[in-house]
Amino acid sequence: MNVVEILRLPLNADLSGFVQLLRRLQLPHRVTEEAGAQVLWVEESRAEQALRLYQLHPDGDIDPQLLPAPEPEQAPRRPGVAEQLRASKATAAVLLLSLVVAGLTGLGENFQTLRWLTFLDFHVKGDYLYFTPLEVSLQAGQWWRLLTPMLVHFGILHLAMNGLWYWELGRRIEWRQGAFSLLGLTVVFGVVSNAAQYLFGGPSLFGGLSGVLYGLLGHVWLYQWLAPSPIYRMPKGVLVMMLVWLLLCLSGLVSLLGFGQIANAAHVGGLLVGCLSGLLGGALARRKLTA
């Protein structure tokens, strides 16, 4: 029987009610304790069913006889937006923070607020921006600058596209590896992609979640390759499309078409560190699965 991890929760989380529900439904499963967390494993063919049950009834507070019998030719009901939000609090929090920053900065138009969130502080003189060296800001204790550019977006389309992709990728990681893993990966990918853009692009205004998104993509891609799970399974066209878009951006064609300057170094840096974390995490998960 091939089992996959569907949940990773703190040790103080009460899974007893949900486990009792799985037993009454005769759904094969097991719970293990790993790295200070409790992990729920379910037979791969029943993983999506078990995950939907947890999203709807985490306490197991329902009589199995009241659950509707699935019709053979009917697709299972997808959780509603409210249910997905309850199961994706960390993902929603990052997106909410991005929306707040978008409002405060006027989507990049309010320079007085924007300058506190960019990688380099700056001041405006005439038609030019003059940037403060990074070491000056860090010596002043402004370490948040290494991360906050990921929350800055320039235009509603920029925010909408990044937000949709973060919702799609982030909630998958949160469901499988937990909220703290998603937040930790977001911070690491954000810092690395911002630093890469600064090192290779020089002093400039840049921002957005796209570097983080490529990190999440690389992480899910290689994690799924080593430790398959229905939660990380995505259409092959998604990966191809994202990689083709990256190549088009690197070629300069996207900028020529009027999409503005693209933070290519942030994308590549995020993808590389995401692939590394996916290899390490997937290898560890595979080792635990076969142990």
Foldseek 3Di string as FASTA:
>chain_A
DAKAWFAKAAPPDDQPLLVVLCVVVVFDWDWDADPRIIIIIGHQVCNVVSLVCCLVCVRNPDDPVPDDDDDPPDDDDDDDPVSLCVLQVLLVVLLVLLVVLCVVCVLVPNLVSVLLQALWRWDDDPPDIDTDDNVVCVVVVSPNNLARLQSHGHDPVQSVVLSVLSSLLLSLCCRRPNSVVSVVLQRVQRNQLSVQLCVVVPDDGHGHNLLSSLLSVLQLVLLCVLRNHPSSDDPPVVVVVVVVVLVCLVVVVCVVVPPNRDSSRSNVRSNVVSNVNNNVNSVVSNVVSVD
